[in-house]
Amino acid sequence: MFNSLGTVLDPKKSKAKYPEARVIVLDDNFNTFQHVANCLLAIIPRMCEQRAWDLTIKVDKAGSAEVWRGNLEQAELYHEQLFSKGLTMAPIEKT
């Protein structure tokens, strides 16, 4: 007799890949280093002060820096929060 409760799922099919995205801050002429670093610390999870400053310096020197990478939904949230604090943001890049 067949037990329908014992159905085995194919792991390749049951693990749907969620879209990932990159959050990128762009350099501008009006946000201070302190403001950018403070925003990163306040909004990006597990951001430490040293990493926030390293990313802020990278934004200034290179013109942009990826500040977070992960699932699209969270990327949209962090992007919007950073934008609402006045940071200049690149469009979200899906990976």
PDB file of N, CA and C in Angstrom:
ATOM      1  N   MET A   1       0.839  -1.186   0.000  1.00  0.00           N
ATOM      2  CA  MET A   1       0.000   0.000   0.000  1.00  0.00           C
ATOM      3  C   MET A   1       0.878   1.240   0.000  1.00  0.00           C
ATOM      4  N   PHE A   2       0.515   2.249  -0.778  1.00  0.00           N
ATOM      5  CA  PHE A   2       1.280   3.486  -0.926  1.00  0.00           C
ATOM      6  C   PHE A   2       0.857   4.508   0.116  1.00  0.00           C
ATOM      7  N   ASN A   3       1.826   5.087   0.813  1.00  0.00           N
ATOM      8  CA  ASN A   3       1.553   6.105   1.818  1.00  0.00           C
ATOM      9  C   ASN A   3       1.877   7.478   1.226  1.00  0.00           C
ATOM     10  N   SER A   4       0.861   8.274   0.967  1.00  0.00           N
ATOM     11  CA  SER A   4       1.065   9.570   0.317  1.00  0.00           C
ATOM     12  C   SER A   4       1.793  10.572   1.219  1.00  0.00           C
ATOM     13  N   LEU A   5       1.818  10.302   2.525  1.00  0.00           N
ATOM     14  CA  LEU A   5       2.520  11.218   3.426  1.00  0.00           C
ATOM     15  C   LEU A   5       4.036  11.073   3.317  1.00  0.00           C
ATOM     16  N   GLY A   6       4.502  10.015   2.716  1.00  0.00           N
ATOM     17  CA  GLY A   6       5.934   9.767   2.613  1.00  0.00           C
ATOM     18  C   GLY A   6       6.538  10.250   1.304  1.00  0.00           C
ATOM     19  N   THR A   7       5.922  11.221   0.650  1.00  0.00           N
ATOM     20  CA  THR A   7       6.425  11.727  -0.618  1.00  0.00           C
ATOM     21  C   THR A   7       7.800  12.357  -0.428  1.00  0.00           C
ATOM     22  N   VAL A   8       8.726  12.001  -1.294  1.00  0.00           N
ATOM     23  CA  VAL A   8      10.080  12.557  -1.241  1.00  0.00           C
ATOM     24  C   VAL A   8      10.185  13.648  -2.292  1.00  0.00           C
ATOM     25  N   LEU A   9      10.668  14.811  -1.870  1.00  0.00           N
ATOM     26  CA  LEU A   9      10.841  15.920  -2.802  1.00  0.00           C
ATOM     27  C   LEU A   9      12.234  15.893  -3.392  1.00  0.00           C
ATOM     28  N   ASP A  10      12.325  16.239  -4.644  1.00  0.00           N
ATOM     29  CA  ASP A  10      13.622  16.355  -5.294  1.00  0.00           C
ATOM     30  C   ASP A  10      14.284  17.631  -4.781  1.00  0.00           C
ATOM     31  N   PRO A  11      15.436  17.509  -4.100  1.00  0.00           N
ATOM     32  CA  PRO A  11      16.076  18.695  -3.528  1.00  0.00           C
ATOM     33  C   PRO A  11      16.423  19.752  -4.564  1.00  0.00           C
ATOM     34  N   LYS A  12      16.702  19.342  -5.796  1.00  0.00           N
ATOM     35  CA  LYS A  12      17.027  20.305  -6.849  1.00  0.00           C
ATOM     36  C   LYS A  12      15.813  21.164  -7.201  1.00  0.00           C
ATOM     37  N   LYS A  13      14.634  20.587  -7.094  1.00  0.00           N
ATOM     38  CA  LYS A  13      13.421  21.315  -7.446  1.00  0.00           C
ATOM     39  C   LYS A  13      12.835  22.063  -6.258  1.00  0.00           C
ATOM     40  N   SER A  14      13.047  21.572  -5.048  1.00  0.00           N
ATOM     41  CA  SER A  14      12.416  22.204  -3.892  1.00  0.00           C
ATOM     42  C   SER A  14      13.174  23.429  -3.393  1.00  0.00           C
ATOM     43  N   LYS A  15      14.450  23.580  -3.781  1.00  0.00           N
ATOM     44  CA  LYS A  15      15.229  24.747  -3.371  1.00  0.00           C
ATOM     45  C   LYS A  15      15.183  25.788  -4.481  1.00  0.00           C
ATOM     46  N   ALA A  16      14.196  26.662  -4.422  1.00  0.00           N
ATOM     47  CA  ALA A  16      14.099  27.716  -5.417  1.00  0.00           C
ATOM     48  C   ALA A  16      15.130  28.794  -5.071  1.00  0.00           C
ATOM     49  N   LYS A  17      15.857  29.268  -6.076  1.00  0.00           N
ATOM     50  CA  LYS A  17      16.859  30.303  -5.834  1.00  0.00           C
ATOM     51  C   LYS A  17      16.165  31.645  -5.828  1.00  0.00           C
ATOM     52  N   TYR A  18      16.355  32.356  -4.724  1.00  0.00           N
ATOM     53  CA  TYR A  18      15.792  33.697  -4.631  1.00  0.00           C
ATOM     54  C   TYR A  18      16.733  34.661  -5.335  1.00  0.00           C
ATOM     55  N   PRO A  19      16.186  35.662  -6.013  1.00  0.00           N
ATOM     56  CA  PRO A  19      17.062  36.611  -6.706  1.00  0.00           C
ATOM     57  C   PRO A  19      17.913  37.387  -5.691  1.00  0.00           C
ATOM     58  N   GLU A  20      19.166  37.603  -6.063  1.00  0.00           N
ATOM     59  CA  GLU A  20      20.066  38.372  -5.219  1.00  0.00           C
ATOM     60  C   GLU A  20      20.332  39.713  -5.876  1.00  0.00           C
ATOM     61  N   ALA A  21      20.771  40.671  -5.057  1.00  0.00           N
ATOM     62  CA  ALA A  21      21.019  42.013  -5.569  1.00  0.00           C
ATOM     63  C   ALA A  21      22.132  42.675  -4.785  1.00  0.00           C
ATOM     64  N   ARG A  22      22.698  43.722  -5.385  1.00  0.00           N
ATOM     65  CA  ARG A  22      23.763  44.508  -4.766  1.00  0.00           C
ATOM     66  C   ARG A  22      23.240  45.905  -4.459  1.00  0.00           C
ATOM     67  N   VAL A  23      23.614  46.439  -3.290  1.00  0.00           N
ATOM     68  CA  VAL A  23      23.274  47.813  -2.907  1.00  0.00           C
ATOM     69  C   VAL A  23      24.563  48.617  -3.018  1.00  0.00           C
ATOM     70  N   ILE A  24      24.537  49.659  -3.858  1.00  0.00           N
ATOM     71  CA  ILE A  24      25.739  50.435  -4.159  1.00  0.00           C
ATOM     72  C   ILE A  24      25.500  51.910  -3.860  1.00  0.00           C
ATOM     73  N   VAL A  25      26.402  52.484  -3.059  1.00  0.00           N
ATOM     74  CA  VAL A  25      26.369  53.915  -2.743  1.00  0.00           C
ATOM     75  C   VAL A  25      27.316  54.621  -3.711  1.00  0.00           C
ATOM     76  N   LEU A  26      26.865  55.761  -4.234  1.00  0.00           N
ATOM     77  CA  LEU A  26      27.665  56.557  -5.160  1.00  0.00           C
ATOM     78  C   LEU A  26      28.228  57.792  -4.471  1.00  0.00           C
ATOM     79  N   ASP A  27      29.360  58.261  -4.965  1.00  0.00           N
ATOM     80  CA  ASP A  27      29.968  59.482  -4.456  1.00  0.00           C
ATOM     81  C   ASP A  27      29.122  60.684  -4.882  1.00  0.00           C
ATOM     82  N   ASP A  28      29.104  61.709  -4.047  1.00  0.00           N
ATOM     83  CA  ASP A  28      28.431  62.963  -4.384  1.00  0.00           C
ATOM     84  C   ASP A  28      29.212  64.108  -3.742  1.00  0.00           C
ATOM     85  N   ASN A  29      28.764  65.316  -3.973  1.00  0.00           N
ATOM     86  CA  ASN A  29      29.477  66.493  -3.460  1.00  0.00           C
ATOM     87  C   ASN A  29      28.815  67.124  -2.240  1.00  0.00           C
ATOM     88  N   PHE A  30      27.854  66.434  -1.635  1.00  0.00           N
ATOM     89  CA  PHE A  30      27.153  67.078  -0.523  1.00  0.00           C
ATOM     90  C   PHE A  30      27.084  66.255   0.756  1.00  0.00           C
ATOM     91  N   ASN A  31      27.180  64.938   0.710  1.00  0.00           N
ATOM     92  CA  ASN A  31      27.159  64.140   1.937  1.00  0.00           C
ATOM     93  C   ASN A  31      28.556  64.082   2.546  1.00  0.00           C
ATOM     94  N   THR A  32      28.629  64.279   3.858  1.00  0.00           N
ATOM     95  CA  THR A  32      29.916  64.210   4.541  1.00  0.00           C
ATOM     96  C   THR A  32      30.299  62.757   4.785  1.00  0.00           C
ATOM     97  N   PHE A  33      31.595  62.542   5.014  1.00  0.00           N
ATOM     98  CA  PHE A  33      32.069  61.200   5.353  1.00  0.00           C
ATOM     99  C   PHE A  33      31.322  60.692   6.579  1.00  0.00           C
ATOM    100  N   GLN A  34      31.191  61.559   7.580  1.00  0.00           N
ATOM    101  CA  GLN A  34      30.539  61.156   8.833  1.00  0.00           C
ATOM    102  C   GLN A  34      29.097  60.717   8.586  1.00  0.00           C
ATOM    103  N   HIS A  35      28.367  61.469   7.749  1.00  0.00           N
ATOM    104  CA  HIS A  35      26.973  61.127   7.467  1.00  0.00           C
ATOM    105  C   HIS A  35      26.873  59.771   6.763  1.00  0.00           C
ATOM    106  N   VAL A  36      27.716  59.553   5.749  1.00  0.00           N
ATOM    107  CA  VAL A  36      27.676  58.280   5.015  1.00  0.00           C
ATOM    108  C   VAL A  36      27.988  57.118   5.958  1.00  0.00           C
ATOM    109  N   ALA A  37      29.058  57.246   6.745  1.00  0.00           N
ATOM    110  CA  ALA A  37      29.438  56.172   7.678  1.00  0.00           C
ATOM    111  C   ALA A  37      28.331  55.924   8.693  1.00  0.00           C
ATOM    112  N   ASN A  38      27.733  56.985   9.234  1.00  0.00           N
ATOM    113  CA  ASN A  38      26.642  56.834  10.210  1.00  0.00           C
ATOM    114  C   ASN A  38      25.436  56.127   9.599  1.00  0.00           C
ATOM    115  N   CYS A  39      25.101  56.448   8.359  1.00  0.00           N
ATOM    116  CA  CYS A  39      23.965  55.801   7.683  1.00  0.00           C
ATOM    117  C   CYS A  39      24.237  54.310   7.494  1.00  0.00           C
ATOM    118  N   LEU A  40      25.449  53.973   7.064  1.00  0.00           N
ATOM    119  CA  LEU A  40      25.797  52.559   6.882  1.00  0.00           C
ATOM    120  C   LEU A  40      25.704  51.803   8.201  1.00  0.00           C
ATOM    121  N   LEU A  41      26.213  52.418   9.257  1.00  0.00           N
ATOM    122  CA  LEU A  41      26.158  51.784  10.586  1.00  0.00           C
ATOM    123  C   LEU A  41      24.723  51.563  11.047  1.00  0.00           C
ATOM    124  N   ALA A  42      23.867  52.541  10.788  1.00  0.00           N
ATOM    125  CA  ALA A  42      22.483  52.484  11.276  1.00  0.00           C
ATOM    126  C   ALA A  42      21.606  51.531  10.460  1.00  0.00           C
ATOM    127  N   ILE A  43      21.907  51.363   9.182  1.00  0.00           N
ATOM    128  CA  ILE A  43      20.979  50.659   8.292  1.00  0.00           C
ATOM    129  C   ILE A  43      21.448  49.264   7.880  1.00  0.00           C
ATOM    130  N   ILE A  44      22.713  49.099   7.606  1.00  0.00           N
ATOM    131  CA  ILE A  44      23.205  47.812   7.109  1.00  0.00           C
ATOM    132  C   ILE A  44      23.477  46.875   8.286  1.00  0.00           C
ATOM    133  N   PRO A  45      22.851  45.702   8.304  1.00  0.00           N
ATOM    134  CA  PRO A  45      23.027  44.766   9.421  1.00  0.00           C
ATOM    135  C   PRO A  45      24.483  44.328   9.593  1.00  0.00           C
ATOM    136  N   ARG A  46      24.892  44.172  10.824  1.00  0.00           N
ATOM    137  CA  ARG A  46      26.224  43.689  11.192  1.00  0.00           C
ATOM    138  C   ARG A  46      27.354  44.563  10.661  1.00  0.00           C
ATOM    139  N   MET A  47      27.062  45.822  10.384  1.00  0.00           N
ATOM    140  CA  MET A  47      28.091  46.750   9.918  1.00  0.00           C
ATOM    141  C   MET A  47      28.859  47.253  11.138  1.00  0.00           C
ATOM    142  N   CYS A  48      30.182  47.145  11.089  1.00  0.00           N
ATOM    143  CA  CYS A  48      31.000  47.673  12.177  1.00  0.00           C
ATOM    144  C   CYS A  48      31.531  49.049  11.757  1.00  0.00           C
ATOM    145  N   GLU A  49      31.993  49.799  12.729  1.00  0.00           N
ATOM    146  CA  GLU A  49      32.444  51.161  12.460  1.00  0.00           C
ATOM    147  C   GLU A  49      33.612  51.188  11.465  1.00  0.00           C
ATOM    148  N   GLN A  50      34.569  50.290  11.623  1.00  0.00           N
ATOM    149  CA  GLN A  50      35.722  50.267  10.711  1.00  0.00           C
ATOM    150  C   GLN A  50      35.291  49.973   9.278  1.00  0.00           C
ATOM    151  N   ARG A  51      34.399  49.011   9.104  1.00  0.00           N
ATOM    152  CA  ARG A  51      33.918  48.657   7.758  1.00  0.00           C
ATOM    153  C   ARG A  51      33.135  49.828   7.146  1.00  0.00           C
ATOM    154  N   ALA A  52      32.328  50.510   7.960  1.00  0.00           N
ATOM    155  CA  ALA A  52      31.568  51.666   7.470  1.00  0.00           C
ATOM    156  C   ALA A  52      32.525  52.745   6.952  1.00  0.00           C
ATOM    157  N   TRP A  53      33.588  53.008   7.698  1.00  0.00           N
ATOM    158  CA  TRP A  53      34.577  54.011   7.267  1.00  0.00           C
ATOM    159  C   TRP A  53      35.336  53.541   6.037  1.00  0.00           C
ATOM    160  N   ASP A  54      35.709  52.267   5.978  1.00  0.00           N
ATOM    161  CA  ASP A  54      36.410  51.739   4.793  1.00  0.00           C
ATOM    162  C   ASP A  54      35.545  51.898   3.546  1.00  0.00           C
ATOM    163  N   LEU A  55      34.255  51.582   3.664  1.00  0.00           N
ATOM    164  CA  LEU A  55      33.341  51.723   2.521  1.00  0.00           C
ATOM    165  C   LEU A  55      33.143  53.184   2.146  1.00  0.00           C
ATOM    166  N   THR A  56      33.049  54.058   3.138  1.00  0.00           N
ATOM    167  CA  THR A  56      32.882  55.495   2.885  1.00  0.00           C
ATOM    168  C   THR A  56      34.089  56.035   2.113  1.00  0.00           C
ATOM    169  N   ILE A  57      35.275  55.630   2.503  1.00  0.00           N
ATOM    170  CA  ILE A  57      36.493  56.064   1.810  1.00  0.00           C
ATOM    171  C   ILE A  57      36.518  55.504   0.389  1.00  0.00           C
ATOM    172  N   LYS A  58      36.079  54.262   0.227  1.00  0.00           N
ATOM    173  CA  LYS A  58      36.019  53.666  -1.105  1.00  0.00           C
ATOM    174  C   LYS A  58      35.049  54.431  -2.006  1.00  0.00           C
ATOM    175  N   VAL A  59      33.895  54.830  -1.457  1.00  0.00           N
ATOM    176  CA  VAL A  59      32.930  55.621  -2.229  1.00  0.00           C
ATOM    177  C   VAL A  59      33.612  56.893  -2.724  1.00  0.00           C
ATOM    178  N   ASP A  60      34.355  57.562  -1.853  1.00  0.00           N
ATOM    179  CA  ASP A  60      35.024  58.811  -2.210  1.00  0.00           C
ATOM    180  C   ASP A  60      36.104  58.599  -3.262  1.00  0.00           C
ATOM    181  N   LYS A  61      36.931  57.587  -3.074  1.00  0.00           N
ATOM    182  CA  LYS A  61      38.083  57.376  -3.970  1.00  0.00           C
ATOM    183  C   LYS A  61      37.701  56.713  -5.294  1.00  0.00           C
ATOM    184  N   ALA A  62      36.812  55.717  -5.240  1.00  0.00           N
ATOM    185  CA  ALA A  62      36.463  54.950  -6.444  1.00  0.00           C
ATOM    186  C   ALA A  62      35.186  55.461  -7.118  1.00  0.00           C
ATOM    187  N   GLY A  63      34.410  56.275  -6.422  1.00  0.00           N
ATOM    188  CA  GLY A  63      33.160  56.786  -6.988  1.00  0.00           C
ATOM    189  C   GLY A  63      31.941  55.973  -6.605  1.00  0.00           C
ATOM    190  N   SER A  64      32.171  54.758  -6.071  1.00  0.00           N
ATOM    191  CA  SER A  64      31.055  53.921  -5.628  1.00  0.00           C
ATOM    192  C   SER A  64      31.594  52.775  -4.785  1.00  0.00           C
ATOM    193  N   ALA A  65      30.698  52.163  -4.009  1.00  0.00           N
ATOM    194  CA  ALA A  65      31.065  50.975  -3.239  1.00  0.00           C
ATOM    195  C   ALA A  65      29.825  50.132  -3.004  1.00  0.00           C
ATOM    196  N   GLU A  66      30.009  48.821  -3.138  1.00  0.00           N
ATOM    197  CA  GLU A  66      28.946  47.885  -2.785  1.00  0.00           C
ATOM    198  C   GLU A  66      28.922  47.801  -1.260  1.00  0.00           C
ATOM    199  N   VAL A  67      27.784  48.167  -0.668  1.00  0.00           N
ATOM    200  CA  VAL A  67      27.694  48.181   0.796  1.00  0.00           C
ATOM    201  C   VAL A  67      26.927  46.984   1.348  1.00  0.00           C
ATOM    202  N   TRP A  68      26.205  46.282   0.462  1.00  0.00           N
ATOM    203  CA  TRP A  68      25.477  45.091   0.903  1.00  0.00           C
ATOM    204  C   TRP A  68      25.133  44.253  -0.315  1.00  0.00           C
ATOM    205  N   ARG A  69      25.105  42.926  -0.114  1.00  0.00           N
ATOM    206  CA  ARG A  69      24.694  41.987  -1.163  1.00  0.00           C
ATOM    207  C   ARG A  69      23.867  40.898  -0.498  1.00  0.00           C
ATOM    208  N   GLY A  70      22.743  40.567  -1.113  1.00  0.00           N
ATOM    209  CA  GLY A  70      21.888  39.531  -0.562  1.00  0.00           C
ATOM    210  C   GLY A  70      20.583  39.460  -1.317  1.00  0.00           C
ATOM    211  N   ASN A  71      19.547  38.936  -0.639  1.00  0.00           N
ATOM    212  CA  ASN A  71      18.286  38.734  -1.365  1.00  0.00           C
ATOM    213  C   ASN A  71      17.661  40.068  -1.770  1.00  0.00           C
ATOM    214  N   LEU A  72      16.966  40.032  -2.877  1.00  0.00           N
ATOM    215  CA  LEU A  72      16.435  41.241  -3.514  1.00  0.00           C
ATOM    216  C   LEU A  72      15.529  42.037  -2.589  1.00  0.00           C
ATOM    217  N   GLU A  73      14.668  41.369  -1.854  1.00  0.00           N
ATOM    218  CA  GLU A  73      13.722  42.077  -0.992  1.00  0.00           C
ATOM    219  C   GLU A  73      14.452  42.914   0.069  1.00  0.00           C
ATOM    220  N   GLN A  74      15.459  42.327   0.703  1.00  0.00           N
ATOM    221  CA  GLN A  74      16.232  43.075   1.699  1.00  0.00           C
ATOM    222  C   GLN A  74      17.028  44.186   1.032  1.00  0.00           C
ATOM    223  N   ALA A  75      17.582  43.910  -0.145  1.00  0.00           N
ATOM    224  CA  ALA A  75      18.339  44.927  -0.875  1.00  0.00           C
ATOM    225  C   ALA A  75      17.468  46.142  -1.158  1.00  0.00           C
ATOM    226  N   GLU A  76      16.225  45.904  -1.549  1.00  0.00           N
ATOM    227  CA  GLU A  76      15.305  47.014  -1.817  1.00  0.00           C
ATOM    228  C   GLU A  76      15.059  47.832  -0.553  1.00  0.00           C
ATOM    229  N   LEU A  77      14.913  47.161   0.573  1.00  0.00           N
ATOM    230  CA  LEU A  77      14.688  47.853   1.840  1.00  0.00           C
ATOM    231  C   LEU A  77      15.888  48.724   2.202  1.00  0.00           C
ATOM    232  N   TYR A  78      17.100  48.150   2.183  1.00  0.00           N
ATOM    233  CA  TYR A  78      18.297  48.914   2.557  1.00  0.00           C
ATOM    234  C   TYR A  78      18.539  50.056   1.569  1.00  0.00           C
ATOM    235  N   HIS A  79      18.306  49.806   0.297  1.00  0.00           N
ATOM    236  CA  HIS A  79      18.463  50.838  -0.732  1.00  0.00           C
ATOM    237  C   HIS A  79      17.539  52.022  -0.424  1.00  0.00           C
ATOM    238  N   GLU A  80      16.289  51.730  -0.155  1.00  0.00           N
ATOM    239  CA  GLU A  80      15.309  52.789   0.136  1.00  0.00           C
ATOM    240  C   GLU A  80      15.677  53.552   1.411  1.00  0.00           C
ATOM    241  N   GLN A  81      16.106  52.839   2.441  1.00  0.00           N
ATOM    242  CA  GLN A  81      16.471  53.493   3.703  1.00  0.00           C
ATOM    243  C   GLN A  81      17.684  54.400   3.522  1.00  0.00           C
ATOM    244  N   LEU A  82      18.691  53.941   2.801  1.00  0.00           N
ATOM    245  CA  LEU A  82      19.873  54.779   2.560  1.00  0.00           C
ATOM    246  C   LEU A  82      19.508  55.991   1.706  1.00  0.00           C
ATOM    247  N   PHE A  83      18.682  55.770   0.691  1.00  0.00           N
ATOM    248  CA  PHE A  83      18.230  56.868  -0.165  1.00  0.00           C
ATOM    249  C   PHE A  83      17.447  57.903   0.649  1.00  0.00           C
ATOM    250  N   SER A  84      16.603  57.430   1.561  1.00  0.00           N
ATOM    251  CA  SER A  84      15.784  58.354   2.364  1.00  0.00           C
ATOM    252  C   SER A  84      16.637  59.185   3.327  1.00  0.00           C
ATOM    253  N   LYS A  85      17.863  58.724   3.619  1.00  0.00           N
ATOM    254  CA  LYS A  85      18.790  59.480   4.465  1.00  0.00           C
ATOM    255  C   LYS A  85      19.613  60.466   3.638  1.00  0.00           C
ATOM    256  N   GLY A  86      19.362  60.497   2.324  1.00  0.00           N
ATOM    257  CA  GLY A  86      20.031  61.470   1.467  1.00  0.00           C
ATOM    258  C   GLY A  86      21.247  60.957   0.724  1.00  0.00           C
ATOM    259  N   LEU A  87      21.555  59.654   0.853  1.00  0.00           N
ATOM    260  CA  LEU A  87      22.704  59.131   0.124  1.00  0.00           C
ATOM    261  C   LEU A  87      22.370  58.991  -1.359  1.00  0.00           C
ATOM    262  N   THR A  88      23.373  59.150  -2.184  1.00  0.00           N
ATOM    263  CA  THR A  88      23.211  58.984  -3.623  1.00  0.00           C
ATOM    264  C   THR A  88      23.412  57.504  -3.942  1.00  0.00           C
ATOM    265  N   MET A  89      22.397  56.897  -4.525  1.00  0.00           N
ATOM    266  CA  MET A  89      22.378  55.448  -4.717  1.00  0.00           C
ATOM    267  C   MET A  89      22.360  55.092  -6.203  1.00  0.00           C
ATOM    268  N   ALA A  90      23.112  54.037  -6.536  1.00  0.00           N
ATOM    269  CA  ALA A  90      23.003  53.448  -7.868  1.00  0.00           C
ATOM    270  C   ALA A  90      21.715  52.622  -7.889  1.00  0.00           C
ATOM    271  N   PRO A  91      21.147  52.381  -9.070  1.00  0.00           N
ATOM    272  CA  PRO A  91      20.008  51.464  -9.134  1.00  0.00           C
ATOM    273  C   PRO A  91      20.437  50.102  -8.579  1.00  0.00           C
ATOM    274  N   ILE A  92      19.502  49.388  -7.985  1.00  0.00           N
ATOM    275  CA  ILE A  92      19.804  48.056  -7.446  1.00  0.00           C
ATOM    276  C   ILE A  92      20.259  47.164  -8.605  1.00  0.00           C
ATOM    277  N   GLU A  93      21.356  46.469  -8.378  1.00  0.00           N
ATOM    278  CA  GLU A  93      21.888  45.542  -9.392  1.00  0.00           C
ATOM    279  C   GLU A  93      21.536  44.118  -8.991  1.00  0.00           C
ATOM    280  N   LYS A  94      20.750  43.463  -9.836  1.00  0.00           N
ATOM    281  CA  LYS A  94      20.451  42.044  -9.585  1.00  0.00           C
ATOM    282  C   LYS A  94      21.645  41.207 -10.008  1.00  0.00           C
ATOM    283  N   THR A  95      21.960  40.190  -9.197  1.00  0.00           N
ATOM    284  CA  THR A  95      23.105  39.342  -9.522  1.00  0.00           C
ATOM    285  C   THR A  95      22.654  37.963  -9.937  1.00  0.00           C
TER     286      THR A  95
END
